Amino acid sequence: MPRSARVSLITAIVCVLLDLVTSRTLGAAGRPSLNAYFQSTLADEAYQKKTFDRVAKAWKTPPAKVTPKAGAKTVVQAVIAKDGKIASTSVSMSSGSKEWDAAALAAVKNAAPFDALPAGYKFPSLEVHFHVSVVAQ
């Protein structure tokens, strides 16, 4: 199975799990969908999956009244240092809901520290973009 198909499959599975956990709290507003985009210099799929899973597990859905409309998205940019600690985080795209944006940022920060970057990784840090979208139910 090609790498992109495996990553898509993993993303789909995590989205289904997030849906099961949060469908009761979001109601008709929509459900969260998490995607992670890793710097192209990292080819280690196991590291990517483990990092994604930690952020997905740390996600806490805000109350339905502050959930943005379907189609809205928060993007959190994170830089992970060689030792797995977060060097920096920022919201680079807002969903329009301060609470949703704060929840996305908190999920990334609370998931840290991550595992140290793979031994063969030649760069001092890794940039990851975490997209937390609201998907219509």
N, C-alpha and C. Protein backbone atom coordinates (compact mmCIF):
# COMPACT_ATOMS: atom_id res chain seq x y z
N MET A 1 0.86 -1.16 0.00
CA MET A 1 0.00 0.00 0.00
C MET A 1 0.91 1.23 0.00
N PRO A 2 0.69 2.18 -0.90
CA PRO A 2 1.52 3.38 -0.95
C PRO A 2 1.42 4.18 0.35
N ARG A 3 2.49 4.92 0.65
CA ARG A 3 2.56 5.72 1.88
C ARG A 3 1.37 6.65 2.01
N SER A 4 1.01 7.36 0.96
CA SER A 4 -0.09 8.32 1.04
C SER A 4 -1.41 7.63 1.38
N ALA A 5 -1.60 6.42 0.88
CA ALA A 5 -2.82 5.67 1.18
C ALA A 5 -2.84 5.25 2.65
N ARG A 6 -1.68 4.85 3.18
CA ARG A 6 -1.61 4.46 4.59
C ARG A 6 -1.89 5.66 5.49
N VAL A 7 -1.29 6.81 5.17
CA VAL A 7 -1.51 8.01 5.98
C VAL A 7 -2.98 8.41 5.91
N SER A 8 -3.59 8.33 4.72
CA SER A 8 -5.01 8.65 4.59
C SER A 8 -5.88 7.69 5.39
N LEU A 9 -5.53 6.42 5.39
CA LEU A 9 -6.27 5.43 6.15
C LEU A 9 -6.17 5.72 7.65
N ILE A 10 -4.97 6.02 8.12
CA ILE A 10 -4.78 6.34 9.53
C ILE A 10 -5.58 7.57 9.89
N THR A 11 -5.54 8.59 9.05
CA THR A 11 -6.30 9.82 9.28
C THR A 11 -7.79 9.52 9.36
N ALA A 12 -8.28 8.69 8.46
CA ALA A 12 -9.71 8.34 8.45
C ALA A 12 -10.11 7.62 9.74
N ILE A 13 -9.26 6.71 10.20
CA ILE A 13 -9.55 5.96 11.42
C ILE A 13 -9.61 6.91 12.62
N VAL A 14 -8.65 7.80 12.72
CA VAL A 14 -8.64 8.74 13.84
C VAL A 14 -9.84 9.67 13.78
N CYS A 15 -10.23 10.08 12.57
CA CYS A 15 -11.42 10.94 12.43
C CYS A 15 -12.67 10.22 12.92
N VAL A 16 -12.78 8.94 12.62
CA VAL A 16 -13.93 8.16 13.08
C VAL A 16 -13.92 8.08 14.61
N LEU A 17 -12.73 7.86 15.19
CA LEU A 17 -12.63 7.80 16.64
C LEU A 17 -12.98 9.14 17.27
N LEU A 18 -12.49 10.23 16.70
CA LEU A 18 -12.84 11.56 17.20
C LEU A 18 -14.34 11.78 17.10
N ASP A 19 -14.94 11.31 16.02
CA ASP A 19 -16.38 11.47 15.84
C ASP A 19 -17.14 10.74 16.94
N LEU A 20 -16.71 9.53 17.26
CA LEU A 20 -17.39 8.77 18.31
C LEU A 20 -17.28 9.45 19.66
N VAL A 21 -16.12 10.03 19.94
CA VAL A 21 -15.89 10.67 21.23
C VAL A 21 -16.65 11.99 21.34
N THR A 22 -16.75 12.74 20.24
CA THR A 22 -17.26 14.11 20.35
C THR A 22 -18.64 14.33 19.76
N SER A 23 -19.25 13.37 19.13
CA SER A 23 -20.52 13.61 18.45
C SER A 23 -21.61 14.08 19.40
N ARG A 24 -21.58 13.62 20.63
CA ARG A 24 -22.61 14.03 21.58
C ARG A 24 -22.45 15.49 22.01
N THR A 25 -21.21 15.97 22.06
CA THR A 25 -21.00 17.33 22.56
C THR A 25 -21.17 18.38 21.48
N LEU A 26 -20.97 18.03 20.24
CA LEU A 26 -21.05 19.03 19.17
C LEU A 26 -22.44 19.13 18.56
N GLY A 27 -23.23 18.08 18.67
CA GLY A 27 -24.58 18.13 18.11
C GLY A 27 -24.58 18.47 16.64
N ALA A 28 -25.47 19.38 16.25
CA ALA A 28 -25.66 19.71 14.85
C ALA A 28 -24.57 20.62 14.31
N ALA A 29 -23.72 21.19 15.17
CA ALA A 29 -22.71 22.15 14.72
C ALA A 29 -21.67 21.51 13.81
N GLY A 30 -21.36 20.26 14.01
CA GLY A 30 -20.34 19.57 13.23
C GLY A 30 -19.46 18.76 14.15
N ARG A 31 -18.47 18.14 13.55
CA ARG A 31 -17.53 17.33 14.33
C ARG A 31 -16.11 17.74 13.98
N PRO A 32 -15.17 17.53 14.89
CA PRO A 32 -13.79 17.90 14.59
C PRO A 32 -13.13 16.88 13.68
N SER A 33 -12.22 17.35 12.89
CA SER A 33 -11.40 16.49 12.04
C SER A 33 -9.97 16.98 12.15
N LEU A 34 -9.07 16.11 12.57
CA LEU A 34 -7.67 16.46 12.75
C LEU A 34 -6.84 15.88 11.62
N ASN A 35 -6.00 16.72 11.03
CA ASN A 35 -5.01 16.28 10.04
C ASN A 35 -3.68 16.87 10.44
N ALA A 36 -2.60 16.15 10.16
CA ALA A 36 -1.26 16.65 10.46
C ALA A 36 -0.41 16.56 9.20
N TYR A 37 0.33 17.63 8.96
CA TYR A 37 1.19 17.71 7.78
C TYR A 37 2.62 17.94 8.28
N PHE A 38 3.46 16.92 8.05
CA PHE A 38 4.83 16.94 8.54
C PHE A 38 5.76 17.48 7.46
N GLN A 39 6.80 18.15 7.92
CA GLN A 39 7.85 18.64 7.02
C GLN A 39 8.31 17.47 6.16
N SER A 40 8.51 17.72 4.88
CA SER A 40 8.80 16.64 3.92
C SER A 40 10.14 15.94 4.19
N THR A 41 10.97 16.50 5.04
CA THR A 41 12.26 15.88 5.35
C THR A 41 12.13 14.68 6.29
N LEU A 42 10.93 14.46 6.85
CA LEU A 42 10.71 13.32 7.74
C LEU A 42 9.89 12.26 7.02
N ALA A 43 10.50 11.11 6.78
CA ALA A 43 9.81 10.02 6.09
C ALA A 43 9.35 8.92 7.05
N ASP A 44 9.64 9.06 8.32
CA ASP A 44 9.33 8.03 9.32
C ASP A 44 7.84 8.04 9.65
N GLU A 45 7.10 7.11 9.04
CA GLU A 45 5.64 7.06 9.22
C GLU A 45 5.24 6.69 10.64
N ALA A 46 6.02 5.86 11.29
CA ALA A 46 5.70 5.47 12.68
C ALA A 46 5.79 6.70 13.59
N TYR A 47 6.80 7.53 13.40
CA TYR A 47 6.93 8.75 14.20
C TYR A 47 5.75 9.68 13.92
N GLN A 48 5.39 9.82 12.66
CA GLN A 48 4.27 10.68 12.28
C GLN A 48 2.98 10.20 12.94
N LYS A 49 2.72 8.90 12.88
CA LYS A 49 1.50 8.34 13.45
C LYS A 49 1.45 8.55 14.96
N LYS A 50 2.57 8.28 15.63
CA LYS A 50 2.61 8.41 17.09
C LYS A 50 2.39 9.87 17.51
N THR A 51 2.98 10.80 16.77
CA THR A 51 2.81 12.23 17.08
C THR A 51 1.36 12.64 16.86
N PHE A 52 0.79 12.22 15.73
CA PHE A 52 -0.61 12.51 15.42
C PHE A 52 -1.53 11.95 16.50
N ASP A 53 -1.30 10.70 16.88
CA ASP A 53 -2.13 10.05 17.89
C ASP A 53 -2.09 10.77 19.24
N ARG A 54 -0.92 11.28 19.62
CA ARG A 54 -0.80 12.00 20.89
C ARG A 54 -1.64 13.27 20.87
N VAL A 55 -1.62 13.99 19.75
CA VAL A 55 -2.41 15.22 19.65
C VAL A 55 -3.90 14.88 19.62
N ALA A 56 -4.27 13.85 18.89
CA ALA A 56 -5.69 13.44 18.83
C ALA A 56 -6.19 13.07 20.22
N LYS A 57 -5.37 12.37 20.99
CA LYS A 57 -5.77 11.97 22.34
C LYS A 57 -5.89 13.18 23.28
N ALA A 58 -5.09 14.21 23.04
CA ALA A 58 -5.10 15.40 23.89
C ALA A 58 -6.23 16.37 23.56
N TRP A 59 -6.91 16.16 22.42
CA TRP A 59 -7.97 17.08 21.99
C TRP A 59 -9.13 17.05 22.99
N LYS A 60 -9.56 18.23 23.40
CA LYS A 60 -10.73 18.40 24.26
C LYS A 60 -11.70 19.31 23.51
N THR A 61 -12.86 18.79 23.17
CA THR A 61 -13.84 19.55 22.39
C THR A 61 -14.46 20.66 23.23
N PRO A 62 -14.40 21.89 22.72
CA PRO A 62 -15.05 22.99 23.43
C PRO A 62 -16.58 22.83 23.39
N PRO A 63 -17.30 23.59 24.20
CA PRO A 63 -18.77 23.51 24.19
C PRO A 63 -19.33 23.81 22.79
N ALA A 64 -20.47 23.20 22.48
CA ALA A 64 -21.08 23.35 21.15
C ALA A 64 -21.36 24.81 20.81
N LYS A 65 -21.67 25.63 21.79
CA LYS A 65 -22.02 27.03 21.52
C LYS A 65 -20.85 27.83 20.95
N VAL A 66 -19.60 27.36 21.14
CA VAL A 66 -18.44 28.07 20.60
C VAL A 66 -17.81 27.36 19.41
N THR A 67 -18.46 26.28 18.96
CA THR A 67 -17.96 25.55 17.80
C THR A 67 -18.21 26.37 16.55
N PRO A 68 -17.17 26.60 15.75
CA PRO A 68 -17.37 27.37 14.52
C PRO A 68 -18.23 26.61 13.52
N LYS A 69 -18.67 27.30 12.49
CA LYS A 69 -19.50 26.67 11.47
C LYS A 69 -18.70 25.62 10.70
N ALA A 70 -19.41 24.68 10.12
CA ALA A 70 -18.77 23.64 9.32
C ALA A 70 -17.93 24.29 8.23
N GLY A 71 -16.75 23.75 8.03
CA GLY A 71 -15.82 24.28 7.04
C GLY A 71 -14.74 25.15 7.65
N ALA A 72 -14.95 25.61 8.89
CA ALA A 72 -13.94 26.43 9.55
C ALA A 72 -12.77 25.54 9.97
N LYS A 73 -11.59 26.16 10.07
CA LYS A 73 -10.40 25.38 10.39
C LYS A 73 -9.41 26.23 11.18
N THR A 74 -8.79 25.60 12.15
CA THR A 74 -7.66 26.18 12.88
C THR A 74 -6.41 25.44 12.44
N VAL A 75 -5.35 26.17 12.18
CA VAL A 75 -4.06 25.55 11.88
C VAL A 75 -3.08 25.96 12.97
N VAL A 76 -2.51 24.95 13.62
CA VAL A 76 -1.48 25.17 14.63
C VAL A 76 -0.15 24.72 14.04
N GLN A 77 0.79 25.64 13.98
CA GLN A 77 2.13 25.30 13.53
C GLN A 77 2.97 25.01 14.75
N ALA A 78 3.65 23.87 14.73
CA ALA A 78 4.51 23.49 15.84
C ALA A 78 5.89 23.14 15.31
N VAL A 79 6.90 23.52 16.05
CA VAL A 79 8.27 23.13 15.74
C VAL A 79 8.73 22.22 16.87
N ILE A 80 9.08 21.00 16.49
CA ILE A 80 9.52 19.99 17.46
C ILE A 80 11.05 19.91 17.40
N ALA A 81 11.69 20.07 18.56
CA ALA A 81 13.14 19.99 18.64
C ALA A 81 13.59 18.53 18.62
N LYS A 82 14.89 18.32 18.43
CA LYS A 82 15.45 16.96 18.37
C LYS A 82 15.05 16.11 19.57
N ASP A 83 14.95 16.73 20.75
CA ASP A 83 14.64 15.97 21.96
C ASP A 83 13.14 15.71 22.14
N GLY A 84 12.31 16.19 21.19
CA GLY A 84 10.87 15.97 21.26
C GLY A 84 10.09 17.08 21.93
N LYS A 85 10.79 18.02 22.52
CA LYS A 85 10.11 19.15 23.16
C LYS A 85 9.65 20.13 22.08
N ILE A 86 8.61 20.88 22.39
CA ILE A 86 8.12 21.88 21.44
C ILE A 86 9.02 23.12 21.55
N ALA A 87 9.59 23.52 20.41
CA ALA A 87 10.41 24.73 20.37
C ALA A 87 9.51 25.95 20.22
N SER A 88 8.41 25.79 19.47
CA SER A 88 7.46 26.90 19.30
C SER A 88 6.13 26.37 18.80
N THR A 89 5.07 27.10 19.12
CA THR A 89 3.75 26.81 18.59
C THR A 89 3.05 28.14 18.32
N SER A 90 2.19 28.12 17.33
CA SER A 90 1.38 29.32 17.05
C SER A 90 0.16 28.91 16.24
N VAL A 91 -0.89 29.70 16.39
CA VAL A 91 -2.07 29.53 15.55
C VAL A 91 -1.81 30.36 14.29
N SER A 92 -1.62 29.69 13.17
CA SER A 92 -1.33 30.41 11.93
C SER A 92 -2.58 30.68 11.10
N MET A 93 -3.68 30.00 11.46
CA MET A 93 -4.97 30.24 10.80
C MET A 93 -6.06 30.04 11.84
N SER A 94 -6.92 31.05 11.98
CA SER A 94 -7.98 30.99 12.97
C SER A 94 -9.29 30.48 12.35
N SER A 95 -10.03 29.77 13.16
CA SER A 95 -11.34 29.26 12.76
C SER A 95 -12.42 30.33 12.88
N GLY A 96 -12.09 31.41 13.58
CA GLY A 96 -13.08 32.43 13.88
C GLY A 96 -13.65 32.28 15.28
N SER A 97 -13.29 31.20 15.97
CA SER A 97 -13.71 30.97 17.35
C SER A 97 -12.46 30.92 18.22
N LYS A 98 -12.33 31.87 19.12
CA LYS A 98 -11.16 31.91 20.01
C LYS A 98 -11.07 30.64 20.83
N GLU A 99 -12.22 30.12 21.27
CA GLU A 99 -12.23 28.92 22.09
C GLU A 99 -11.77 27.69 21.31
N TRP A 100 -12.22 27.56 20.06
CA TRP A 100 -11.81 26.43 19.21
C TRP A 100 -10.31 26.52 18.94
N ASP A 101 -9.83 27.73 18.60
CA ASP A 101 -8.40 27.94 18.35
C ASP A 101 -7.58 27.58 19.59
N ALA A 102 -8.06 28.02 20.76
CA ALA A 102 -7.36 27.73 22.02
C ALA A 102 -7.33 26.22 22.29
N ALA A 103 -8.42 25.53 21.97
CA ALA A 103 -8.47 24.07 22.18
C ALA A 103 -7.48 23.37 21.26
N ALA A 104 -7.36 23.83 20.03
CA ALA A 104 -6.41 23.23 19.08
C ALA A 104 -4.98 23.45 19.56
N LEU A 105 -4.68 24.67 19.99
CA LEU A 105 -3.34 24.97 20.49
C LEU A 105 -3.04 24.16 21.75
N ALA A 106 -4.02 24.06 22.64
CA ALA A 106 -3.84 23.28 23.87
C ALA A 106 -3.60 21.80 23.59
N ALA A 107 -4.28 21.25 22.58
CA ALA A 107 -4.09 19.84 22.24
C ALA A 107 -2.64 19.57 21.86
N VAL A 108 -2.07 20.46 21.05
CA VAL A 108 -0.67 20.28 20.64
C VAL A 108 0.26 20.44 21.83
N LYS A 109 0.06 21.49 22.62
CA LYS A 109 0.93 21.73 23.77
C LYS A 109 0.81 20.62 24.81
N ASN A 110 -0.41 20.15 25.07
CA ASN A 110 -0.61 19.10 26.08
C ASN A 110 -0.12 17.74 25.64
N ALA A 111 0.02 17.54 24.33
CA ALA A 111 0.53 16.27 23.81
C ALA A 111 2.05 16.16 23.98
N ALA A 112 2.69 17.28 24.15
CA ALA A 112 4.15 17.32 24.28
C ALA A 112 4.56 16.95 25.71
N PRO A 113 5.78 16.48 25.90
CA PRO A 113 6.78 16.33 24.86
C PRO A 113 6.51 15.09 24.01
N PHE A 114 6.92 15.17 22.77
CA PHE A 114 6.81 14.05 21.85
C PHE A 114 8.07 13.20 21.98
N ASP A 115 8.09 12.08 21.28
CA ASP A 115 9.32 11.29 21.24
C ASP A 115 10.42 12.12 20.59
N ALA A 116 11.66 11.82 20.93
CA ALA A 116 12.78 12.48 20.27
C ALA A 116 12.70 12.19 18.77
N LEU A 117 13.18 13.12 17.97
CA LEU A 117 13.17 12.89 16.52
C LEU A 117 14.01 11.65 16.21
N PRO A 118 13.66 10.91 15.15
CA PRO A 118 14.39 9.69 14.82
C PRO A 118 15.90 9.94 14.70
N ALA A 119 16.68 8.95 15.10
CA ALA A 119 18.14 9.07 15.12
C ALA A 119 18.71 9.49 13.77
N GLY A 120 18.14 9.00 12.69
CA GLY A 120 18.65 9.32 11.36
C GLY A 120 18.19 10.66 10.81
N TYR A 121 17.35 11.35 11.54
CA TYR A 121 16.84 12.65 11.07
C TYR A 121 17.96 13.68 11.18
N LYS A 122 18.31 14.32 10.06
CA LYS A 122 19.51 15.15 9.98
C LYS A 122 19.32 16.61 10.36
N PHE A 123 18.10 17.03 10.61
CA PHE A 123 17.84 18.45 10.84
C PHE A 123 17.63 18.70 12.34
N PRO A 124 17.84 19.95 12.79
CA PRO A 124 17.73 20.25 14.23
C PRO A 124 16.30 20.28 14.76
N SER A 125 15.33 20.40 13.86
CA SER A 125 13.93 20.46 14.30
C SER A 125 13.03 20.01 13.17
N LEU A 126 11.75 19.87 13.51
CA LEU A 126 10.75 19.40 12.55
C LEU A 126 9.52 20.29 12.67
N GLU A 127 9.03 20.79 11.55
CA GLU A 127 7.81 21.60 11.56
C GLU A 127 6.62 20.72 11.20
N VAL A 128 5.56 20.88 11.98
CA VAL A 128 4.33 20.13 11.75
C VAL A 128 3.16 21.11 11.79
N HIS A 129 2.24 20.98 10.85
CA HIS A 129 1.03 21.79 10.84
C HIS A 129 -0.14 20.88 11.20
N PHE A 130 -0.82 21.21 12.29
CA PHE A 130 -1.99 20.47 12.74
C PHE A 130 -3.23 21.26 12.34
N HIS A 131 -4.09 20.65 11.53
CA HIS A 131 -5.32 21.28 11.07
C HIS A 131 -6.49 20.66 11.83
N VAL A 132 -7.25 21.49 12.54
CA VAL A 132 -8.43 21.02 13.24
C VAL A 132 -9.63 21.69 12.59
N SER A 133 -10.35 20.94 11.78
CA SER A 133 -11.48 21.47 11.01
C SER A 133 -12.79 21.06 11.65
N VAL A 134 -13.83 21.81 11.30
CA VAL A 134 -15.19 21.45 11.68
C VAL A 134 -15.83 20.86 10.44
N VAL A 135 -16.26 19.62 10.53
CA VAL A 135 -16.85 18.91 9.41
C VAL A 135 -18.35 18.71 9.69
N ALA A 136 -19.17 18.99 8.71
CA ALA A 136 -20.62 18.80 8.88
C ALA A 136 -20.92 17.34 9.17
N GLN A 137 -21.92 17.12 10.00
CA GLN A 137 -22.28 15.75 10.36
C GLN A 137 -23.17 15.12 9.32
